Amino acid sequence: MSYRYLIFFEYDGSHFNGFQRQKDKASVQQKLEEAISEINKEKTFIKGSGRTDALVHAINQAAHFDLNFFLPADKLKYMLNKRLEHIYITRCIEVKNNFHARFNVRSKVYLYKITTKRSAFTDDYKWYIPYKLDLKLMKKASKILLGYHNFQNFVSGKRDNYNSAIYKIKIFRKKEEINIIFVGKCFYKYMVRHLVGALVDVGLNKKDLKYIEELINCNKKISSSIAPAEGLYLKKVIYEKGDLYGKYNKKDYKFSK
């Protein structure tokens, strides 16, 4: 008998060559699997909600895995955090055996950070742009991106399907920092970074709103700028509450803190 767990965790992407396991390069998946395997006393693999690229950070990534014996979720969280560096488990819960961290995702939230004030302490965590950005124009451009579209011109690499839905884009300033939040069904390789690059081109008056319209639902490949990886954060992975409860009645179950 096996027991399936779902973990939510944060990590500093500047210490990893992305989420996915790689040969001879440090990855988030590798470090988590090493820690879990040590506890499980055998080689154990995880399934993440999706991948993040090299240098991309996560505030709330998710993954599931199976143990061959039962551990209370709070204890498992504690044991994992003792074995991890630059990764921190924020929540751990037991879920149904048919739950899948990727296929059960309802939506994801990404955050991109831009700074107009450079610091040695922010180079790995924000995109430094020393020019004034027209946020009003960027917000107008962001409205064009909302809804269900073919995002081929915002995706790197080839896929069978480039369609997705963006539910919300929020752009706001916090002193010297500009935040761009994306909420959508799914985001493909480099998609958020291409979206940010296009919005920044508009904000710098390098491109107009018509350019954004041409990028959307266009079968012809049009090149677009790409924002650096360092400013990107996976902010949240959203599941239906009913998917998250295992053998416990959800009225009685308490999340690990």
Protein backbone atom coordinates (compact mmCIF):
# COMPACT_ATOMS: atom_id res chain seq x y z
CA MET A 1 0.00 0.00 0.00
CA SER A 2 1.24 3.48 -0.81
CA TYR A 3 0.33 6.90 0.55
CA ARG A 4 0.24 9.94 -1.72
CA TYR A 5 1.29 13.38 -0.52
CA LEU A 6 1.08 16.83 -2.06
CA ILE A 7 3.66 19.41 -1.07
CA PHE A 8 3.67 23.14 -1.71
CA PHE A 9 7.11 24.71 -1.63
CA GLU A 10 9.17 27.77 -2.41
CA TYR A 11 12.68 28.00 -3.82
CA ASP A 12 15.38 30.44 -4.85
CA GLY A 13 15.90 29.74 -8.54
CA SER A 14 19.32 31.39 -8.61
CA HIS A 15 20.71 28.20 -7.00
CA PHE A 16 19.25 25.80 -9.57
CA ASN A 17 19.34 25.06 -13.26
CA GLY A 18 15.55 24.88 -13.33
CA PHE A 19 12.97 22.59 -11.76
CA GLN A 20 13.39 19.51 -13.96
CA ARG A 21 15.90 16.81 -13.11
CA GLN A 22 19.06 17.10 -15.23
CA LYS A 23 22.29 15.22 -15.59
CA ASP A 24 25.25 16.84 -13.79
CA LYS A 25 23.31 20.05 -12.97
CA ALA A 26 21.53 20.99 -9.76
CA SER A 27 17.74 21.04 -10.08
CA VAL A 28 14.86 21.48 -7.66
CA GLN A 29 13.39 18.10 -8.61
CA GLN A 30 16.68 16.33 -7.94
CA LYS A 31 17.10 17.85 -4.47
CA LEU A 32 13.53 17.06 -3.47
CA GLU A 33 13.78 13.48 -4.74
CA GLU A 34 17.01 12.92 -2.83
CA ALA A 35 15.38 14.11 0.41
CA ILE A 36 12.19 12.10 -0.12
CA SER A 37 14.11 8.96 -1.14
CA GLU A 38 16.15 9.14 2.07
CA ILE A 39 12.94 9.20 4.12
CA ASN A 40 11.21 6.53 2.02
CA LYS A 41 14.27 4.22 2.11
CA GLU A 42 14.08 3.71 -1.67
CA LYS A 43 14.37 5.72 -4.90
CA THR A 44 11.30 7.93 -5.07
CA PHE A 45 10.21 10.30 -7.84
CA ILE A 46 7.99 13.36 -7.74
CA LYS A 47 5.56 14.82 -10.25
CA GLY A 48 5.50 18.61 -10.31
CA SER A 49 2.68 20.93 -11.28
CA GLY A 50 4.95 22.04 -14.14
CA ARG A 51 8.49 23.10 -14.87
CA THR A 52 10.27 26.36 -14.19
CA ASP A 53 13.37 27.31 -16.14
CA ALA A 54 16.88 28.02 -14.89
CA LEU A 55 17.02 31.03 -12.53
CA VAL A 56 13.21 31.24 -12.23
CA HIS A 57 11.91 31.34 -8.65
CA ALA A 58 8.84 29.88 -6.96
CA ILE A 59 6.77 31.26 -4.12
CA ASN A 60 4.30 28.38 -4.25
CA GLN A 61 5.21 25.43 -6.50
CA ALA A 62 3.53 22.04 -6.00
CA ALA A 63 4.39 18.36 -6.49
CA HIS A 64 3.09 14.95 -5.44
CA PHE A 65 4.83 11.70 -4.55
CA ASP A 66 4.12 8.35 -2.90
CA LEU A 67 5.54 6.87 0.30
CA ASN A 68 5.40 3.14 1.01
CA PHE A 69 4.42 3.82 4.63
CA PHE A 70 2.28 6.41 6.39
CA LEU A 71 3.70 9.55 7.98
CA PRO A 72 1.64 12.39 9.44
CA ALA A 73 1.86 15.32 7.01
CA ASP A 74 3.29 17.70 9.62
CA LYS A 75 6.07 15.27 10.49
CA LEU A 76 6.89 14.67 6.82
CA LYS A 77 7.09 18.41 6.22
CA TYR A 78 9.49 18.79 9.17
CA MET A 79 11.69 15.88 8.03
CA LEU A 80 11.94 17.23 4.49
CA ASN A 81 12.81 20.77 5.54
CA LYS A 82 15.66 19.44 7.71
CA ARG A 83 17.20 17.95 4.55
CA LEU A 84 16.73 20.85 2.13
CA GLU A 85 18.65 24.01 1.26
CA HIS A 86 17.27 26.91 -0.82
CA ILE A 87 13.95 25.00 -0.91
CA TYR A 88 11.32 25.25 1.82
CA ILE A 89 8.17 23.13 2.14
CA THR A 90 5.33 25.46 3.13
CA ARG A 91 2.49 22.92 3.22
CA CYS A 92 2.15 19.15 3.13
CA ILE A 93 -1.10 17.18 2.89
CA GLU A 94 -2.17 13.63 2.16
CA VAL A 95 -4.25 13.36 -1.03
CA LYS A 96 -6.19 10.71 -2.93
CA ASN A 97 -4.10 8.11 -4.76
CA ASN A 98 -5.45 9.30 -8.12
CA PHE A 99 -4.52 12.93 -7.48
CA HIS A 100 -1.93 14.37 -9.91
CA ALA A 101 -0.05 17.60 -9.20
CA ARG A 102 -0.01 18.54 -12.87
CA PHE A 103 -3.27 17.20 -14.31
CA ASN A 104 -5.43 18.46 -11.42
CA VAL A 105 -4.24 22.07 -11.77
CA ARG A 106 -7.10 24.52 -12.30
CA SER A 107 -4.98 27.62 -12.87
CA LYS A 108 -1.60 29.17 -12.15
CA VAL A 109 -0.45 32.59 -11.06
CA TYR A 110 2.90 34.04 -12.14
CA LEU A 111 4.56 37.22 -10.90
CA TYR A 112 7.20 39.21 -12.75
CA LYS A 113 9.27 41.87 -10.97
CA ILE A 114 10.91 44.86 -12.65
CA THR A 115 13.01 47.42 -10.81
CA THR A 116 14.05 50.92 -11.82
CA LYS A 117 16.68 51.06 -9.08
CA ARG A 118 19.62 48.72 -9.39
CA SER A 119 21.14 46.94 -6.41
CA ALA A 120 23.67 44.15 -6.05
CA PHE A 121 21.09 42.40 -3.86
CA THR A 122 18.34 42.38 -6.50
CA ASP A 123 20.21 41.35 -9.67
CA ASP A 124 19.14 37.72 -9.25
CA TYR A 125 15.53 38.56 -8.42
CA LYS A 126 14.35 41.45 -10.64
CA TRP A 127 14.78 42.85 -14.17
CA TYR A 128 16.53 46.20 -13.97
CA ILE A 129 15.18 48.73 -16.49
CA PRO A 130 16.65 52.23 -16.10
CA TYR A 131 14.01 53.87 -18.31
CA LYS A 132 10.52 55.17 -17.60
CA LEU A 133 7.77 52.73 -18.48
CA ASP A 134 4.32 53.93 -19.56
CA LEU A 135 2.18 51.77 -17.27
CA LYS A 136 -1.11 53.09 -18.68
CA LEU A 137 -0.10 51.93 -22.15
CA MET A 138 1.08 48.59 -20.78
CA LYS A 139 -2.29 48.08 -19.07
CA LYS A 140 -4.10 48.78 -22.35
CA ALA A 141 -1.86 46.27 -24.10
CA SER A 142 -2.49 43.68 -21.38
CA LYS A 143 -6.25 43.77 -22.04
CA ILE A 144 -5.63 42.54 -25.60
CA LEU A 145 -3.94 39.44 -24.18
CA LEU A 146 -6.88 38.42 -21.99
CA GLY A 147 -9.05 35.48 -22.98
CA TYR A 148 -8.54 32.33 -24.99
CA HIS A 149 -5.94 32.72 -27.75
CA ASN A 150 -3.30 31.02 -29.83
CA PHE A 151 -0.10 32.14 -28.04
CA GLN A 152 2.32 30.71 -30.60
CA ASN A 153 4.23 33.98 -30.89
CA PHE A 154 4.82 34.00 -27.14
CA VAL A 155 6.11 30.44 -26.86
CA SER A 156 9.63 29.12 -27.51
CA GLY A 157 10.00 25.75 -29.20
CA LYS A 158 7.48 23.67 -31.12
CA ARG A 159 4.23 22.29 -29.72
CA ASP A 160 1.15 20.61 -31.14
CA ASN A 161 -1.08 23.12 -29.40
CA TYR A 162 -0.38 26.75 -28.44
CA ASN A 163 -3.87 27.58 -27.19
CA SER A 164 -4.42 28.76 -23.65
CA ALA A 165 -6.48 31.20 -21.60
CA ILE A 166 -5.29 34.18 -19.60
CA TYR A 167 -7.90 35.19 -17.04
CA LYS A 168 -6.27 38.23 -15.51
CA ILE A 169 -3.24 40.51 -15.86
CA LYS A 170 -2.49 43.08 -13.17
CA ILE A 171 0.24 45.72 -13.49
CA PHE A 172 1.12 47.99 -10.58
CA ARG A 173 4.01 49.97 -9.10
CA LYS A 174 5.46 49.64 -5.59
CA LYS A 175 7.99 52.46 -5.20
CA GLU A 176 10.91 51.51 -7.50
CA GLU A 177 9.36 48.11 -8.30
CA ILE A 178 6.86 47.26 -11.01
CA ASN A 179 4.90 44.02 -10.60
CA ILE A 180 3.09 42.18 -13.37
CA ILE A 181 0.77 39.33 -12.32
CA PHE A 182 -0.62 36.77 -14.76
CA VAL A 183 -3.46 34.35 -13.96
CA GLY A 184 -4.21 31.66 -16.51
CA LYS A 185 -5.02 28.06 -17.29
CA CYS A 186 -1.52 27.05 -18.38
CA PHE A 187 1.68 28.74 -19.48
CA TYR A 188 4.09 27.15 -21.95
CA LYS A 189 7.87 27.39 -22.36
CA TYR A 190 9.08 31.00 -21.90
CA MET A 191 5.49 32.21 -22.41
CA VAL A 192 5.33 34.56 -19.42
CA ARG A 193 8.75 35.98 -20.24
CA HIS A 194 7.65 36.69 -23.84
CA LEU A 195 4.44 38.31 -22.57
CA VAL A 196 6.45 40.56 -20.25
CA GLY A 197 8.92 41.38 -23.04
CA ALA A 198 6.10 42.47 -25.36
CA LEU A 199 4.43 44.58 -22.64
CA VAL A 200 7.75 46.25 -21.79
CA ASP A 201 8.34 47.07 -25.49
CA VAL A 202 4.98 48.83 -25.47
CA GLY A 203 5.80 50.59 -22.20
CA LEU A 204 9.07 51.87 -23.70
CA ASN A 205 7.22 53.03 -26.84
CA LYS A 206 9.22 50.62 -28.99
CA LYS A 207 6.00 48.90 -30.09
CA ASP A 208 2.37 49.96 -30.34
CA LEU A 209 -0.90 48.27 -29.44
CA LYS A 210 -1.35 47.06 -33.00
CA TYR A 211 1.82 44.98 -32.58
CA ILE A 212 0.25 43.12 -29.62
CA GLU A 213 -2.88 42.47 -31.70
CA GLU A 214 -0.72 41.06 -34.50
CA LEU A 215 1.04 38.70 -32.10
CA ILE A 216 -2.22 37.17 -30.88
CA ASN A 217 -3.86 34.41 -32.90
CA CYS A 218 -1.39 34.82 -35.75
CA ASN A 219 -0.20 31.66 -37.49
CA LYS A 220 2.78 33.50 -38.94
CA LYS A 221 5.77 33.56 -36.58
CA ILE A 222 6.53 37.09 -35.38
CA SER A 223 9.53 37.64 -33.16
CA SER A 224 8.96 39.16 -29.72
CA SER A 225 11.27 40.24 -26.92
CA ILE A 226 11.90 37.96 -23.96
CA ALA A 227 12.35 39.16 -20.38
CA PRO A 228 15.22 37.76 -18.25
CA ALA A 229 14.47 34.68 -16.16
CA GLU A 230 15.59 36.25 -12.87
CA GLY A 231 12.48 38.41 -12.45
CA LEU A 232 9.99 35.56 -12.82
CA TYR A 233 8.20 33.82 -9.93
CA LEU A 234 5.65 31.02 -9.91
CA LYS A 235 3.37 32.64 -7.35
CA LYS A 236 0.57 30.11 -6.92
CA VAL A 237 -0.75 26.76 -8.14
CA ILE A 238 -4.52 26.50 -7.74
CA TYR A 239 -6.47 23.27 -7.20
CA GLU A 240 -10.11 22.63 -6.38
CA LYS A 241 -10.43 22.13 -2.63
CA GLY A 242 -12.28 18.87 -3.15
CA ASP A 243 -9.23 17.43 -4.94
CA LEU A 244 -6.94 17.94 -1.97
CA TYR A 245 -8.47 15.73 0.69
CA GLY A 246 -7.45 12.12 1.09
CA LYS A 247 -8.90 9.67 3.61
CA TYR A 248 -9.68 12.50 6.04
CA ASN A 249 -13.03 14.24 6.13
CA LYS A 250 -12.36 17.78 4.94
CA LYS A 251 -14.16 19.26 7.96
CA ASP A 252 -11.68 17.58 10.26
CA TYR A 253 -8.54 17.93 8.19
CA LYS A 254 -6.13 20.74 9.01
CA PHE A 255 -3.45 21.95 6.64
CA SER A 256 0.16 21.87 7.73
CA LYS A 257 1.32 25.37 8.47
